[in-house]
Amino acid sequence: MGPRRSRVSTGRVERSWCVVVPHHATGARLARHRLADELADLVPPPLLADLVAVLAELVGNAVRHADPLPGGVVRVAWRLRPTVTGTGLSVRVTDGGAGAGPRMRAASTDAVDGRGLHIVAGLASRWGVDRDGLGQSVWAEFDPADCCPDLVAAG
């Protein structure tokens, strides 16, 4: 097996995955491992690390702060799609919703939580929340030109 490519490569074809994980702390671990396994040969390691970190935050938030979907689950999806500048990547976590939607909070230096969405905002090109009658989806998009310009330039 040769070295991995230094750029995102999907063959200019859109690819997507969707998995259902338990609304439990183990769900975040399962989602992280599945995403890492599926994208290891398609995404350079620095970008993959960012995707895994963001997905872990989003699933962890869904488990801690939101209701599950029917069946006690959270739906996790990710997508690679051709864009004008290369390949865009996105992750989406759908849960049963919560009374208050996700929001960034100010966390003191000694707080044990409250930084998750700051991490998401720092690593992703953009993020947001969609709501419908079934619950909410928190999504994050990654443009390799934003997060990894050296990888895009090398590719």
N, C-alpha and C. Protein backbone atom coordinates (compact mmCIF):
# COMPACT_ATOMS: atom_id res chain seq x y z
N MET A 1 0.85 -1.18 0.00
CA MET A 1 0.00 0.00 0.00
C MET A 1 0.89 1.23 0.00
N GLY A 2 0.67 2.14 -0.90
CA GLY A 2 1.48 3.35 -1.03
C GLY A 2 1.04 4.43 -0.07
N PRO A 3 1.72 5.59 -0.13
CA PRO A 3 1.36 6.70 0.76
C PRO A 3 0.00 7.27 0.40
N ARG A 4 -0.64 7.85 1.39
CA ARG A 4 -1.94 8.48 1.16
C ARG A 4 -1.76 9.76 0.37
N ARG A 5 -2.78 10.13 -0.37
CA ARG A 5 -2.75 11.37 -1.15
C ARG A 5 -2.75 12.56 -0.21
N SER A 6 -2.22 13.66 -0.67
CA SER A 6 -2.14 14.86 0.16
C SER A 6 -3.28 15.83 -0.11
N ARG A 7 -4.34 15.37 -0.72
CA ARG A 7 -5.49 16.24 -0.96
C ARG A 7 -6.75 15.41 -0.89
N VAL A 8 -7.87 16.09 -0.78
CA VAL A 8 -9.15 15.40 -0.76
C VAL A 8 -9.41 14.87 -2.16
N SER A 9 -9.81 13.61 -2.25
CA SER A 9 -10.05 13.01 -3.56
C SER A 9 -11.31 12.17 -3.53
N THR A 10 -12.28 12.55 -4.31
CA THR A 10 -13.50 11.75 -4.43
C THR A 10 -13.76 11.35 -5.87
N GLY A 11 -12.83 11.63 -6.76
CA GLY A 11 -13.07 11.34 -8.16
C GLY A 11 -14.14 12.24 -8.75
N ARG A 12 -14.36 13.43 -8.13
CA ARG A 12 -15.34 14.42 -8.57
C ARG A 12 -16.76 13.86 -8.55
N VAL A 13 -16.99 12.87 -7.71
CA VAL A 13 -18.30 12.27 -7.55
C VAL A 13 -18.75 12.51 -6.11
N GLU A 14 -20.02 12.84 -5.93
CA GLU A 14 -20.53 13.02 -4.58
C GLU A 14 -20.65 11.66 -3.90
N ARG A 15 -20.24 11.63 -2.64
CA ARG A 15 -20.35 10.41 -1.84
C ARG A 15 -20.93 10.79 -0.50
N SER A 16 -21.82 9.96 0.03
CA SER A 16 -22.39 10.26 1.34
C SER A 16 -22.61 8.98 2.13
N TRP A 17 -22.62 9.14 3.43
CA TRP A 17 -22.81 8.05 4.37
C TRP A 17 -23.81 8.50 5.42
N CYS A 18 -24.58 7.57 5.95
CA CYS A 18 -25.50 7.86 7.04
C CYS A 18 -25.52 6.64 7.96
N VAL A 19 -25.32 6.89 9.24
CA VAL A 19 -25.35 5.82 10.22
C VAL A 19 -26.22 6.25 11.39
N VAL A 20 -26.73 5.28 12.10
CA VAL A 20 -27.52 5.53 13.29
C VAL A 20 -26.73 4.96 14.46
N VAL A 21 -26.58 5.79 15.50
CA VAL A 21 -25.83 5.37 16.68
C VAL A 21 -26.71 5.55 17.91
N PRO A 22 -26.40 4.84 18.99
CA PRO A 22 -27.20 4.98 20.21
C PRO A 22 -27.11 6.39 20.80
N HIS A 23 -28.19 6.83 21.39
CA HIS A 23 -28.22 8.12 22.10
C HIS A 23 -27.58 7.87 23.46
N HIS A 24 -26.28 7.67 23.42
CA HIS A 24 -25.49 7.29 24.59
C HIS A 24 -24.04 7.67 24.29
N ALA A 25 -23.24 7.78 25.33
CA ALA A 25 -21.83 8.16 25.13
C ALA A 25 -21.12 7.24 24.14
N THR A 26 -21.50 5.97 24.10
CA THR A 26 -20.86 5.06 23.14
C THR A 26 -21.20 5.44 21.70
N GLY A 27 -22.31 6.16 21.49
CA GLY A 27 -22.67 6.59 20.15
C GLY A 27 -21.63 7.50 19.53
N ALA A 28 -21.06 8.40 20.34
CA ALA A 28 -20.02 9.30 19.83
C ALA A 28 -18.79 8.51 19.41
N ARG A 29 -18.40 7.52 20.21
CA ARG A 29 -17.23 6.70 19.87
C ARG A 29 -17.48 5.92 18.59
N LEU A 30 -18.66 5.31 18.47
CA LEU A 30 -18.99 4.56 17.26
C LEU A 30 -18.97 5.46 16.03
N ALA A 31 -19.55 6.65 16.13
CA ALA A 31 -19.58 7.58 15.00
C ALA A 31 -18.17 8.01 14.60
N ARG A 32 -17.33 8.34 15.58
CA ARG A 32 -15.95 8.75 15.28
C ARG A 32 -15.20 7.66 14.52
N HIS A 33 -15.30 6.43 15.02
CA HIS A 33 -14.57 5.33 14.38
C HIS A 33 -15.09 5.05 12.98
N ARG A 34 -16.40 5.11 12.79
CA ARG A 34 -16.97 4.85 11.48
C ARG A 34 -16.53 5.91 10.47
N LEU A 35 -16.60 7.19 10.87
CA LEU A 35 -16.18 8.27 9.97
C LEU A 35 -14.70 8.13 9.63
N ALA A 36 -13.87 7.88 10.63
CA ALA A 36 -12.42 7.74 10.39
C ALA A 36 -12.14 6.57 9.46
N ASP A 37 -12.81 5.45 9.65
CA ASP A 37 -12.59 4.29 8.78
C ASP A 37 -13.03 4.56 7.34
N GLU A 38 -14.18 5.20 7.18
CA GLU A 38 -14.72 5.44 5.84
C GLU A 38 -13.92 6.47 5.05
N LEU A 39 -13.36 7.48 5.74
CA LEU A 39 -12.70 8.59 5.05
C LEU A 39 -11.18 8.53 5.06
N ALA A 40 -10.61 7.53 5.72
CA ALA A 40 -9.15 7.47 5.88
C ALA A 40 -8.40 7.54 4.55
N ASP A 41 -8.92 6.91 3.52
CA ASP A 41 -8.22 6.92 2.22
C ASP A 41 -8.67 8.04 1.30
N LEU A 42 -9.62 8.87 1.76
CA LEU A 42 -10.16 9.94 0.92
C LEU A 42 -9.77 11.34 1.39
N VAL A 43 -9.40 11.46 2.65
CA VAL A 43 -9.18 12.77 3.26
C VAL A 43 -7.81 12.77 3.93
N PRO A 44 -7.02 13.83 3.76
CA PRO A 44 -5.70 13.89 4.39
C PRO A 44 -5.83 13.88 5.92
N PRO A 45 -4.85 13.31 6.59
CA PRO A 45 -4.93 13.16 8.05
C PRO A 45 -5.25 14.43 8.83
N PRO A 46 -4.67 15.61 8.52
CA PRO A 46 -5.03 16.80 9.32
C PRO A 46 -6.51 17.17 9.20
N LEU A 47 -7.07 17.06 8.00
CA LEU A 47 -8.48 17.36 7.80
C LEU A 47 -9.35 16.28 8.44
N LEU A 48 -8.95 15.04 8.35
CA LEU A 48 -9.70 13.96 8.98
C LEU A 48 -9.75 14.15 10.49
N ALA A 49 -8.66 14.59 11.08
CA ALA A 49 -8.64 14.85 12.53
C ALA A 49 -9.65 15.94 12.89
N ASP A 50 -9.75 16.98 12.07
CA ASP A 50 -10.73 18.04 12.32
C ASP A 50 -12.16 17.51 12.19
N LEU A 51 -12.40 16.71 11.17
CA LEU A 51 -13.74 16.14 10.97
C LEU A 51 -14.13 15.26 12.16
N VAL A 52 -13.21 14.43 12.61
CA VAL A 52 -13.49 13.54 13.74
C VAL A 52 -13.76 14.35 15.01
N ALA A 53 -12.97 15.39 15.24
CA ALA A 53 -13.17 16.22 16.44
C ALA A 53 -14.53 16.91 16.42
N VAL A 54 -14.91 17.45 15.28
CA VAL A 54 -16.20 18.13 15.16
C VAL A 54 -17.34 17.13 15.32
N LEU A 55 -17.25 16.00 14.67
CA LEU A 55 -18.30 15.00 14.80
C LEU A 55 -18.45 14.55 16.25
N ALA A 56 -17.34 14.35 16.94
CA ALA A 56 -17.39 13.95 18.35
C ALA A 56 -18.11 15.00 19.19
N GLU A 57 -17.82 16.27 18.95
CA GLU A 57 -18.50 17.35 19.68
C GLU A 57 -20.00 17.36 19.40
N LEU A 58 -20.37 17.23 18.13
CA LEU A 58 -21.78 17.31 17.77
C LEU A 58 -22.58 16.12 18.32
N VAL A 59 -22.02 14.92 18.23
CA VAL A 59 -22.72 13.76 18.78
C VAL A 59 -22.76 13.85 20.30
N GLY A 60 -21.65 14.25 20.91
CA GLY A 60 -21.63 14.42 22.37
C GLY A 60 -22.67 15.42 22.84
N ASN A 61 -22.80 16.53 22.12
CA ASN A 61 -23.82 17.53 22.47
C ASN A 61 -25.23 16.95 22.31
N ALA A 62 -25.46 16.19 21.26
CA ALA A 62 -26.78 15.59 21.05
C ALA A 62 -27.13 14.64 22.20
N VAL A 63 -26.16 13.88 22.65
CA VAL A 63 -26.40 12.93 23.73
C VAL A 63 -26.63 13.66 25.06
N ARG A 64 -25.85 14.70 25.32
CA ARG A 64 -25.95 15.42 26.60
C ARG A 64 -27.14 16.36 26.68
N HIS A 65 -27.47 17.01 25.56
CA HIS A 65 -28.42 18.12 25.64
C HIS A 65 -29.74 17.93 24.91
N ALA A 66 -29.89 16.89 24.11
CA ALA A 66 -31.10 16.76 23.28
C ALA A 66 -31.77 15.41 23.51
N ASP A 67 -33.00 15.34 23.10
CA ASP A 67 -33.73 14.08 23.14
C ASP A 67 -33.27 13.20 21.98
N PRO A 68 -33.45 11.89 22.12
CA PRO A 68 -33.11 11.00 21.00
C PRO A 68 -34.20 11.04 19.94
N LEU A 69 -33.87 10.53 18.78
CA LEU A 69 -34.87 10.24 17.76
C LEU A 69 -35.65 9.00 18.21
N PRO A 70 -36.78 8.70 17.58
CA PRO A 70 -37.49 7.47 17.92
C PRO A 70 -36.54 6.26 17.84
N GLY A 71 -36.64 5.38 18.82
CA GLY A 71 -35.75 4.22 18.88
C GLY A 71 -34.53 4.47 19.74
N GLY A 72 -34.44 5.67 20.33
CA GLY A 72 -33.31 5.96 21.22
C GLY A 72 -31.99 6.15 20.48
N VAL A 73 -32.05 6.77 19.30
CA VAL A 73 -30.86 6.91 18.47
C VAL A 73 -30.60 8.36 18.06
N VAL A 74 -29.43 8.55 17.48
CA VAL A 74 -29.01 9.80 16.85
C VAL A 74 -28.57 9.42 15.44
N ARG A 75 -28.96 10.22 14.45
CA ARG A 75 -28.54 9.96 13.06
C ARG A 75 -27.33 10.82 12.74
N VAL A 76 -26.33 10.18 12.17
CA VAL A 76 -25.07 10.85 11.84
C VAL A 76 -24.82 10.66 10.34
N ALA A 77 -24.51 11.76 9.66
CA ALA A 77 -24.26 11.67 8.22
C ALA A 77 -23.05 12.52 7.87
N TRP A 78 -22.36 12.13 6.81
CA TRP A 78 -21.29 12.96 6.27
C TRP A 78 -21.30 12.82 4.76
N ARG A 79 -20.77 13.86 4.12
CA ARG A 79 -20.85 13.93 2.66
C ARG A 79 -19.61 14.59 2.10
N LEU A 80 -19.14 14.07 0.98
CA LEU A 80 -18.09 14.69 0.18
C LEU A 80 -18.74 15.04 -1.14
N ARG A 81 -18.54 16.27 -1.61
CA ARG A 81 -19.17 16.70 -2.86
C ARG A 81 -18.23 17.60 -3.64
N PRO A 82 -18.26 17.49 -4.94
CA PRO A 82 -17.44 18.39 -5.76
C PRO A 82 -17.93 19.83 -5.62
N THR A 83 -16.99 20.76 -5.55
CA THR A 83 -17.30 22.19 -5.53
C THR A 83 -16.41 22.88 -6.55
N VAL A 84 -16.61 24.15 -6.71
CA VAL A 84 -15.80 24.93 -7.64
C VAL A 84 -14.33 24.91 -7.22
N THR A 85 -14.07 24.94 -5.91
CA THR A 85 -12.70 25.00 -5.41
C THR A 85 -12.11 23.64 -5.09
N GLY A 86 -12.82 22.56 -5.36
CA GLY A 86 -12.29 21.23 -5.05
C GLY A 86 -13.38 20.32 -4.52
N THR A 87 -13.24 19.92 -3.28
CA THR A 87 -14.21 19.03 -2.67
C THR A 87 -14.66 19.60 -1.35
N GLY A 88 -15.95 19.71 -1.15
CA GLY A 88 -16.50 20.15 0.13
C GLY A 88 -16.86 18.94 0.97
N LEU A 89 -16.72 19.09 2.26
CA LEU A 89 -17.06 18.02 3.19
C LEU A 89 -18.03 18.56 4.22
N SER A 90 -18.97 17.73 4.64
CA SER A 90 -19.90 18.16 5.68
C SER A 90 -20.24 16.99 6.58
N VAL A 91 -20.57 17.33 7.82
CA VAL A 91 -21.07 16.36 8.78
C VAL A 91 -22.39 16.91 9.32
N ARG A 92 -23.30 16.02 9.68
CA ARG A 92 -24.62 16.43 10.18
C ARG A 92 -25.04 15.42 11.24
N VAL A 93 -25.51 15.94 12.38
CA VAL A 93 -25.99 15.10 13.47
C VAL A 93 -27.44 15.49 13.74
N THR A 94 -28.33 14.53 13.66
CA THR A 94 -29.76 14.78 13.84
C THR A 94 -30.24 14.07 15.09
N ASP A 95 -30.93 14.83 15.95
CA ASP A 95 -31.46 14.28 17.20
C ASP A 95 -32.92 14.71 17.33
N GLY A 96 -33.52 14.38 18.45
CA GLY A 96 -34.92 14.70 18.68
C GLY A 96 -35.17 16.12 19.13
N GLY A 97 -34.13 16.92 19.25
CA GLY A 97 -34.27 18.32 19.63
C GLY A 97 -34.24 18.51 21.13
N ALA A 98 -34.17 19.76 21.52
CA ALA A 98 -34.12 20.14 22.93
C ALA A 98 -34.93 21.42 23.09
N GLY A 99 -35.24 21.77 24.33
CA GLY A 99 -35.99 23.00 24.58
C GLY A 99 -35.30 24.22 24.00
N ALA A 100 -34.03 24.33 24.27
CA ALA A 100 -33.23 25.44 23.73
C ALA A 100 -32.27 24.86 22.71
N GLY A 101 -32.15 25.52 21.58
CA GLY A 101 -31.24 25.04 20.54
C GLY A 101 -29.79 25.25 20.91
N PRO A 102 -28.89 24.63 20.16
CA PRO A 102 -27.46 24.79 20.43
C PRO A 102 -27.04 26.24 20.30
N ARG A 103 -26.20 26.68 21.21
CA ARG A 103 -25.67 28.05 21.16
C ARG A 103 -24.29 28.07 21.80
N MET A 104 -23.48 28.96 21.33
CA MET A 104 -22.14 29.12 21.90
C MET A 104 -22.28 29.83 23.25
N ARG A 105 -21.52 29.36 24.23
CA ARG A 105 -21.55 29.96 25.56
C ARG A 105 -20.16 30.47 25.91
N ALA A 106 -20.14 31.44 26.79
CA ALA A 106 -18.87 31.89 27.34
C ALA A 106 -18.50 30.94 28.47
N ALA A 107 -17.32 30.36 28.40
CA ALA A 107 -16.87 29.43 29.43
C ALA A 107 -15.68 30.03 30.17
N SER A 108 -15.74 30.00 31.49
CA SER A 108 -14.61 30.49 32.27
C SER A 108 -13.44 29.53 32.14
N THR A 109 -12.27 29.98 32.51
CA THR A 109 -11.08 29.14 32.35
C THR A 109 -11.13 27.88 33.20
N ASP A 110 -11.91 27.88 34.27
CA ASP A 110 -11.99 26.68 35.11
C ASP A 110 -13.27 25.87 34.87
N ALA A 111 -14.08 26.26 33.90
CA ALA A 111 -15.30 25.50 33.57
C ALA A 111 -14.92 24.16 32.94
N VAL A 112 -15.70 23.13 33.27
CA VAL A 112 -15.42 21.81 32.72
C VAL A 112 -16.13 21.56 31.38
N ASP A 113 -17.03 22.44 30.99
CA ASP A 113 -17.69 22.30 29.70
C ASP A 113 -18.02 23.67 29.14
N GLY A 114 -18.70 23.70 28.00
CA GLY A 114 -19.10 24.97 27.40
C GLY A 114 -18.24 25.43 26.24
N ARG A 115 -17.29 24.60 25.82
CA ARG A 115 -16.38 25.00 24.73
C ARG A 115 -16.64 24.27 23.42
N GLY A 116 -17.55 23.31 23.42
CA GLY A 116 -17.73 22.44 22.26
C GLY A 116 -18.04 23.16 20.97
N LEU A 117 -19.00 24.07 20.99
CA LEU A 117 -19.34 24.77 19.75
C LEU A 117 -18.27 25.77 19.35
N HIS A 118 -17.46 26.23 20.29
CA HIS A 118 -16.30 27.06 19.93
C HIS A 118 -15.29 26.22 19.14
N ILE A 119 -15.13 24.97 19.55
CA ILE A 119 -14.24 24.06 18.82
C ILE A 119 -14.79 23.83 17.41
N VAL A 120 -16.09 23.58 17.32
CA VAL A 120 -16.72 23.37 16.01
C VAL A 120 -16.51 24.60 15.13
N ALA A 121 -16.79 25.78 15.67
CA ALA A 121 -16.65 27.02 14.90
C ALA A 121 -15.20 27.26 14.48
N GLY A 122 -14.26 26.86 15.32
CA GLY A 122 -12.86 27.07 15.01
C GLY A 122 -12.32 26.12 13.95
N LEU A 123 -12.86 24.92 13.88
CA LEU A 123 -12.36 23.92 12.93
C LEU A 123 -13.11 23.90 11.61
N ALA A 124 -14.41 24.15 11.65
CA ALA A 124 -15.24 24.10 10.44
C ALA A 124 -15.24 25.45 9.72
N SER A 125 -15.53 25.42 8.44
CA SER A 125 -15.66 26.66 7.67
C SER A 125 -16.93 27.39 8.07
N ARG A 126 -17.98 26.64 8.39
CA ARG A 126 -19.25 27.21 8.84
C ARG A 126 -20.05 26.09 9.50
N TRP A 127 -21.00 26.47 10.35
CA TRP A 127 -21.87 25.50 11.00
C TRP A 127 -23.22 26.14 11.25
N GLY A 128 -24.22 25.31 11.53
CA GLY A 128 -25.54 25.84 11.79
C GLY A 128 -26.48 24.76 12.29
N VAL A 129 -27.74 25.16 12.44
CA VAL A 129 -28.78 24.27 12.96
C VAL A 129 -30.00 24.37 12.05
N ASP A 130 -30.55 23.22 11.70
CA ASP A 130 -31.82 23.14 10.96
C ASP A 130 -32.81 22.43 11.87
N ARG A 131 -34.04 22.94 11.90
CA ARG A 131 -35.09 22.31 12.69
C ARG A 131 -36.25 21.93 11.79
N ASP A 132 -36.88 20.80 12.13
CA ASP A 132 -38.10 20.41 11.44
C ASP A 132 -39.03 19.76 12.47
N GLY A 133 -40.10 19.16 12.04
CA GLY A 133 -41.07 18.58 12.96
C GLY A 133 -40.56 17.40 13.76
N LEU A 134 -39.46 16.80 13.33
CA LEU A 134 -38.93 15.63 14.02
C LEU A 134 -37.84 15.96 15.03
N GLY A 135 -37.21 17.10 14.90
CA GLY A 135 -36.12 17.44 15.80
C GLY A 135 -35.21 18.48 15.19
N GLN A 136 -33.91 18.29 15.40
CA GLN A 136 -32.96 19.26 14.88
C GLN A 136 -31.73 18.55 14.33
N SER A 137 -31.10 19.23 13.38
CA SER A 137 -29.84 18.76 12.82
C SER A 137 -28.82 19.87 13.00
N VAL A 138 -27.68 19.52 13.58
CA VAL A 138 -26.57 20.45 13.68
C VAL A 138 -25.55 19.99 12.65
N TRP A 139 -25.11 20.92 11.82
CA TRP A 139 -24.22 20.57 10.71
C TRP A 139 -22.97 21.45 10.73
N ALA A 140 -21.95 20.93 10.12
CA ALA A 140 -20.70 21.68 9.95
C ALA A 140 -20.16 21.37 8.56
N GLU A 141 -19.68 22.40 7.88
CA GLU A 141 -19.11 22.24 6.54
C GLU A 141 -17.64 22.60 6.58
N PHE A 142 -16.89 21.91 5.76
CA PHE A 142 -15.45 22.11 5.67
C PHE A 142 -15.08 22.36 4.23
N ASP A 143 -14.39 23.44 3.98
CA ASP A 143 -13.84 23.73 2.67
C ASP A 143 -12.33 23.58 2.83
N PRO A 144 -11.72 22.59 2.18
CA PRO A 144 -10.28 22.40 2.35
C PRO A 144 -9.47 23.67 2.10
N ALA A 145 -9.96 24.57 1.26
CA ALA A 145 -9.24 25.83 1.02
C ALA A 145 -9.23 26.70 2.28
N ASP A 146 -10.27 26.58 3.13
CA ASP A 146 -10.33 27.36 4.37
C ASP A 146 -9.48 26.73 5.47
N CYS A 147 -9.61 25.41 5.63
CA CYS A 147 -8.96 24.78 6.78
C CYS A 147 -7.57 24.25 6.48
N CYS A 148 -7.27 23.94 5.24
CA CYS A 148 -5.99 23.31 4.91
C CYS A 148 -5.43 23.84 3.59
N PRO A 149 -5.15 25.15 3.48
CA PRO A 149 -4.71 25.69 2.19
C PRO A 149 -3.43 25.04 1.67
N ASP A 150 -2.54 24.62 2.58
CA ASP A 150 -1.31 23.97 2.13
C ASP A 150 -1.59 22.64 1.46
N LEU A 151 -2.65 21.94 1.90
CA LEU A 151 -3.01 20.67 1.27
C LEU A 151 -3.62 20.91 -0.10
N VAL A 152 -4.44 21.94 -0.22
CA VAL A 152 -5.05 22.25 -1.51
C VAL A 152 -3.98 22.67 -2.50
N ALA A 153 -3.04 23.50 -2.05
CA ALA A 153 -1.97 23.97 -2.92
C ALA A 153 -1.09 22.80 -3.37
N ALA A 154 -0.85 21.85 -2.46
CA ALA A 154 0.00 20.70 -2.80
C ALA A 154 -0.70 19.77 -3.78
N GLY A 155 -2.05 19.76 -3.76
CA GLY A 155 -2.80 18.84 -4.61
C GLY A 155 -3.00 19.40 -5.96
